[in-house]
Amino acid sequence: MKEKMKKELCALGLLLKSVPALTFSLFIISVFSMNLLANKSLAVPFEWLALDCGILFSWLTFMTMDILTKHFGPKAATQLSVVAILINLILCLMFFIGSRIPGVWGESYVPGNEDVINTALNHTFGGTWYILAGSTTAFLVSAVVNNFSNYAVSKCFKKHPDGFFPYLCRTYISTALGQFVDNLVFALLVSHVFFGWSLLQCITCALTGMAAELLCEFLFSYFGFRICKKWEKAQVGKEYFDYLKQTEV
């Protein structure tokens, strides 16, 4: 067991070393941003429809996971998702500490409302425990669903599995499943319990959020495919893959 753990940690170290810095940075930024913006609901004219501003970044998170799954595999993509979650929690802790440090936000200088606005900003950036817990749980579950469903769909293509059409199918199906699960779990854990959303609102939020993020996936999927091809040609992660073959981790 100890030896296996040592090999796993070594493999994870090589994986982190292998992932291009820009891609992983965008991944972490998108995870943190979508969780922060989940604090704000979108104003919509329909009572049955409910969305939060996290959809502005969540499509990037799932597109990045699809790229990582395509190149490194579902296990590696899920491990990187866990690392992103841990970094997100650390950043949230820093923001919480910052919100508790005595001081005044620049936007709170409104005559007669300074204390109210300053408190509201502290609560927004300091975070709320149930929103953080809900978003973390939802993302962890959806990451597993997205990454392994992406891999499962790829096994359906025996001929030319690395072509553009198979890539579209695996990313669209996995993103649809992952986004629906992410939105639904968060809505049920947070919005339904703490904000009084109905079950219909939770389901429509999950579906409409999924549809919005699938549209973004459609717009940017070609770039994701080209990134995968570029990584394959450049043999990105060769040291990591060689280590896996040698140790069979």
Protein backbone atom coordinates (compact mmCIF):
# COMPACT_ATOMS: atom_id res chain seq x y z
CA MET A 1 0.00 0.00 0.00
CA LYS A 2 2.80 2.40 0.92
CA GLU A 3 4.66 1.63 -2.29
CA LYS A 4 1.52 2.11 -4.38
CA MET A 5 0.86 5.46 -2.71
CA LYS A 6 4.43 6.52 -3.44
CA LYS A 7 4.00 5.62 -7.11
CA GLU A 8 0.68 7.48 -7.28
CA LEU A 9 2.23 10.63 -5.82
CA CYS A 10 5.18 10.38 -8.18
CA ALA A 11 2.80 9.97 -11.13
CA LEU A 12 0.77 12.97 -9.96
CA GLY A 13 3.95 15.05 -9.74
CA LEU A 14 4.87 14.13 -13.31
CA LEU A 15 1.31 14.87 -14.42
CA LEU A 16 1.39 18.35 -12.90
CA LYS A 17 4.75 18.91 -14.54
CA SER A 18 3.43 17.74 -17.91
CA VAL A 19 0.25 19.83 -18.22
CA PRO A 20 0.95 23.08 -20.11
CA ALA A 21 0.96 25.97 -17.62
CA LEU A 22 -1.48 28.17 -19.55
CA THR A 23 -4.10 25.42 -19.78
CA PHE A 24 -3.88 24.50 -16.12
CA SER A 25 -3.91 28.17 -15.09
CA LEU A 26 -7.09 28.80 -17.09
CA PHE A 27 -8.61 25.69 -15.56
CA ILE A 28 -7.94 26.87 -11.99
CA ILE A 29 -9.10 30.42 -12.74
CA SER A 30 -12.34 29.15 -14.27
CA VAL A 31 -13.05 26.86 -11.30
CA PHE A 32 -12.50 29.69 -8.82
CA SER A 33 -14.44 32.26 -10.86
CA MET A 34 -17.49 30.10 -11.48
CA ASN A 35 -17.73 29.32 -7.76
CA LEU A 36 -17.39 32.99 -6.82
CA LEU A 37 -20.00 34.11 -9.37
CA ALA A 38 -22.38 31.39 -8.18
CA ASN A 39 -23.20 33.90 -5.41
CA LYS A 40 -25.11 36.05 -7.91
CA SER A 41 -28.38 34.98 -9.50
CA LEU A 42 -29.36 36.18 -12.94
CA ALA A 43 -32.52 38.28 -13.15
CA VAL A 44 -34.86 36.46 -15.53
CA PRO A 45 -38.53 37.22 -16.38
CA PHE A 46 -39.79 33.69 -15.75
CA GLU A 47 -40.54 32.23 -12.31
CA TRP A 48 -39.71 28.70 -13.45
CA LEU A 49 -36.28 29.76 -14.73
CA ALA A 50 -33.32 30.33 -12.42
CA LEU A 51 -29.66 30.79 -13.32
CA ASP A 52 -26.53 32.08 -11.61
CA CYS A 53 -23.59 33.96 -13.09
CA GLY A 54 -21.31 30.95 -12.68
CA ILE A 55 -22.28 29.89 -16.23
CA LEU A 56 -19.96 32.63 -17.54
CA PHE A 57 -16.95 30.47 -16.62
CA SER A 58 -18.25 26.93 -16.15
CA TRP A 59 -18.14 26.19 -19.90
CA LEU A 60 -14.38 26.88 -19.85
CA THR A 61 -13.94 24.55 -16.89
CA PHE A 62 -15.66 21.68 -18.68
CA MET A 63 -13.98 22.33 -22.01
CA THR A 64 -10.61 22.19 -20.27
CA MET A 65 -11.53 18.94 -18.53
CA ASP A 66 -12.51 17.47 -21.91
CA ILE A 67 -9.11 18.41 -23.33
CA LEU A 68 -7.32 16.92 -20.34
CA THR A 69 -9.38 13.73 -20.53
CA LYS A 70 -8.74 13.35 -24.26
CA HIS A 71 -4.98 13.65 -23.84
CA PHE A 72 -4.19 12.32 -20.36
CA GLY A 73 -7.19 10.09 -19.61
CA PRO A 74 -10.13 10.33 -17.16
CA LYS A 75 -8.16 9.39 -14.05
CA ALA A 76 -5.56 12.11 -14.67
CA ALA A 77 -8.24 14.70 -15.51
CA THR A 78 -10.07 13.87 -12.29
CA GLN A 79 -6.86 14.14 -10.27
CA LEU A 80 -6.23 17.57 -11.79
CA SER A 81 -9.81 18.53 -10.93
CA VAL A 82 -9.17 17.61 -7.30
CA VAL A 83 -5.99 19.72 -7.33
CA ALA A 84 -8.00 22.64 -8.76
CA ILE A 85 -10.58 22.17 -5.99
CA LEU A 86 -7.88 22.27 -3.30
CA ILE A 87 -6.38 25.44 -4.80
CA ASN A 88 -9.86 26.96 -4.99
CA LEU A 89 -10.41 26.21 -1.29
CA ILE A 90 -7.09 27.85 -0.42
CA LEU A 91 -8.02 30.95 -2.44
CA CYS A 92 -11.42 31.04 -0.75
CA LEU A 93 -9.68 30.90 2.63
CA MET A 94 -7.48 33.87 1.62
CA PHE A 95 -10.55 35.82 0.51
CA PHE A 96 -12.29 34.94 3.78
CA ILE A 97 -9.32 36.23 5.79
CA GLY A 98 -9.27 39.38 3.64
CA SER A 99 -12.96 39.96 4.31
CA ARG A 100 -12.36 39.74 8.06
CA ILE A 101 -9.46 42.21 8.10
CA PRO A 102 -10.71 45.61 9.33
CA GLY A 103 -11.00 48.08 6.48
CA VAL A 104 -13.33 49.65 3.95
CA TRP A 105 -14.04 48.62 0.36
CA GLY A 106 -13.73 51.40 -2.20
CA GLU A 107 -17.26 50.77 -3.52
CA SER A 108 -18.80 51.27 -0.07
CA TYR A 109 -18.38 55.06 -0.09
CA VAL A 110 -22.06 55.87 -0.55
CA PRO A 111 -23.37 58.45 1.92
CA GLY A 112 -25.50 56.82 4.58
CA ASN A 113 -24.92 53.27 3.35
CA GLU A 114 -21.21 52.72 3.98
CA ASP A 115 -21.60 50.06 6.68
CA VAL A 116 -24.31 48.14 4.85
CA ILE A 117 -22.42 48.03 1.55
CA ASN A 118 -19.09 47.26 3.21
CA THR A 119 -20.65 44.36 5.11
CA ALA A 120 -22.31 43.05 1.96
CA LEU A 121 -19.01 43.12 0.05
CA ASN A 122 -17.24 41.34 2.90
CA HIS A 123 -19.88 38.62 2.87
CA THR A 124 -19.72 38.28 -0.92
CA PHE A 125 -15.95 37.93 -1.18
CA GLY A 126 -15.60 36.18 2.16
CA GLY A 127 -17.99 33.54 0.93
CA THR A 128 -20.77 31.59 2.57
CA TRP A 129 -20.04 28.13 3.89
CA TYR A 130 -23.04 26.44 2.28
CA ILE A 131 -22.35 27.95 -1.14
CA LEU A 132 -18.71 26.88 -0.98
CA ALA A 133 -19.63 23.39 0.25
CA GLY A 134 -22.36 23.03 -2.35
CA SER A 135 -20.26 24.24 -5.27
CA THR A 136 -17.29 22.09 -4.23
CA THR A 137 -19.43 18.96 -3.93
CA ALA A 138 -21.24 19.67 -7.19
CA PHE A 139 -18.03 20.22 -9.11
CA LEU A 140 -16.33 17.12 -7.71
CA VAL A 141 -19.28 14.90 -8.65
CA SER A 142 -19.69 16.50 -12.07
CA ALA A 143 -15.95 16.22 -12.80
CA VAL A 144 -16.08 12.46 -12.26
CA VAL A 145 -19.23 12.18 -14.43
CA ASN A 146 -17.78 14.38 -17.19
CA ASN A 147 -14.34 12.79 -17.37
CA PHE A 148 -15.36 9.15 -17.28
CA SER A 149 -18.38 9.61 -19.58
CA ASN A 150 -16.08 11.38 -22.03
CA TYR A 151 -13.76 8.40 -22.00
CA ALA A 152 -16.66 5.93 -22.26
CA VAL A 153 -18.08 7.65 -25.35
CA SER A 154 -14.65 7.55 -27.01
CA LYS A 155 -14.72 3.74 -26.80
CA CYS A 156 -17.76 3.70 -29.09
CA PHE A 157 -15.61 4.83 -32.03
CA LYS A 158 -13.51 1.99 -33.38
CA LYS A 159 -12.55 3.70 -36.63
CA HIS A 160 -10.68 6.99 -36.53
CA PRO A 161 -11.27 7.55 -32.77
CA ASP A 162 -9.03 10.63 -32.82
CA GLY A 163 -10.98 12.45 -35.53
CA PHE A 164 -12.97 15.65 -35.14
CA PHE A 165 -16.41 14.02 -35.18
CA PRO A 166 -15.61 11.55 -32.35
CA TYR A 167 -14.11 14.46 -30.41
CA LEU A 168 -17.33 16.46 -30.84
CA CYS A 169 -19.48 13.53 -29.73
CA ARG A 170 -17.45 12.75 -26.63
CA THR A 171 -17.22 16.41 -25.57
CA TYR A 172 -20.88 17.27 -26.20
CA ILE A 173 -22.26 14.20 -24.47
CA SER A 174 -19.90 14.39 -21.48
CA THR A 175 -20.37 18.14 -21.11
CA ALA A 176 -24.15 17.76 -21.23
CA LEU A 177 -24.06 15.10 -18.52
CA GLY A 178 -21.44 16.86 -16.42
CA GLN A 179 -23.05 20.28 -16.62
CA PHE A 180 -26.49 18.92 -15.82
CA VAL A 181 -25.15 17.08 -12.77
CA ASP A 182 -23.13 20.10 -11.63
CA ASN A 183 -26.07 22.49 -11.90
CA LEU A 184 -28.57 20.06 -10.41
CA VAL A 185 -26.45 19.04 -7.41
CA PHE A 186 -25.66 22.68 -6.59
CA ALA A 187 -29.29 23.72 -7.02
CA LEU A 188 -30.55 20.92 -4.78
CA LEU A 189 -27.91 21.37 -2.08
CA VAL A 190 -27.91 25.18 -1.98
CA SER A 191 -30.67 26.91 -3.92
CA HIS A 192 -33.46 24.51 -2.93
CA VAL A 193 -32.48 24.30 0.75
CA PHE A 194 -31.31 27.86 1.48
CA PHE A 195 -32.99 30.04 -1.17
CA GLY A 196 -36.33 28.29 -1.47
CA TRP A 197 -36.08 27.26 -5.11
CA SER A 198 -38.73 24.78 -6.20
CA LEU A 199 -37.74 21.40 -7.65
CA LEU A 200 -38.95 22.68 -11.03
CA GLN A 201 -36.58 25.65 -10.78
CA CYS A 202 -33.71 23.32 -9.84
CA ILE A 203 -34.33 21.09 -12.85
CA THR A 204 -34.85 23.98 -15.29
CA CYS A 205 -31.71 25.65 -13.92
CA ALA A 206 -29.76 22.46 -14.60
CA LEU A 207 -31.21 22.11 -18.11
CA THR A 208 -30.89 25.76 -19.17
CA GLY A 209 -27.41 26.02 -17.69
CA MET A 210 -26.45 22.87 -19.57
CA ALA A 211 -27.86 24.31 -22.80
CA ALA A 212 -26.00 27.62 -22.38
CA GLU A 213 -22.70 25.88 -21.69
CA LEU A 214 -23.21 23.45 -24.59
CA LEU A 215 -23.58 26.46 -26.88
CA CYS A 216 -20.20 27.75 -25.71
CA GLU A 217 -18.75 24.26 -26.15
CA PHE A 218 -20.07 24.31 -29.72
CA LEU A 219 -18.44 27.69 -30.38
CA PHE A 220 -15.04 26.73 -28.98
CA SER A 221 -14.86 22.95 -29.49
CA TYR A 222 -12.71 23.26 -32.61
CA PHE A 223 -10.05 25.10 -30.60
CA GLY A 224 -10.14 22.33 -28.01
CA PHE A 225 -9.66 19.75 -30.76
CA ARG A 226 -6.72 21.66 -32.22
CA ILE A 227 -5.11 21.90 -28.78
CA CYS A 228 -5.38 18.11 -28.39
CA LYS A 229 -3.78 17.58 -31.79
CA LYS A 230 -1.01 20.03 -30.97
CA TRP A 231 -0.29 18.27 -27.69
CA GLU A 232 -0.26 14.90 -29.41
CA LYS A 233 2.19 16.10 -32.06
CA ALA A 234 4.45 17.72 -29.45
CA GLN A 235 4.28 14.57 -27.28
CA VAL A 236 3.10 16.54 -24.27
CA GLY A 237 3.32 14.39 -21.14
CA LYS A 238 5.72 11.81 -22.60
CA GLU A 239 7.58 11.48 -19.31
CA TYR A 240 4.28 10.91 -17.49
CA PHE A 241 3.08 8.28 -19.96
CA ASP A 242 6.44 6.49 -19.90
CA TYR A 243 6.30 6.34 -16.11
CA LEU A 244 2.79 4.86 -16.21
CA LYS A 245 3.94 2.15 -18.60
CA GLN A 246 6.94 1.29 -16.45
CA THR A 247 5.06 1.15 -13.15
CA GLU A 248 1.55 0.30 -14.40
CA VAL A 249 0.03 2.79 -11.93
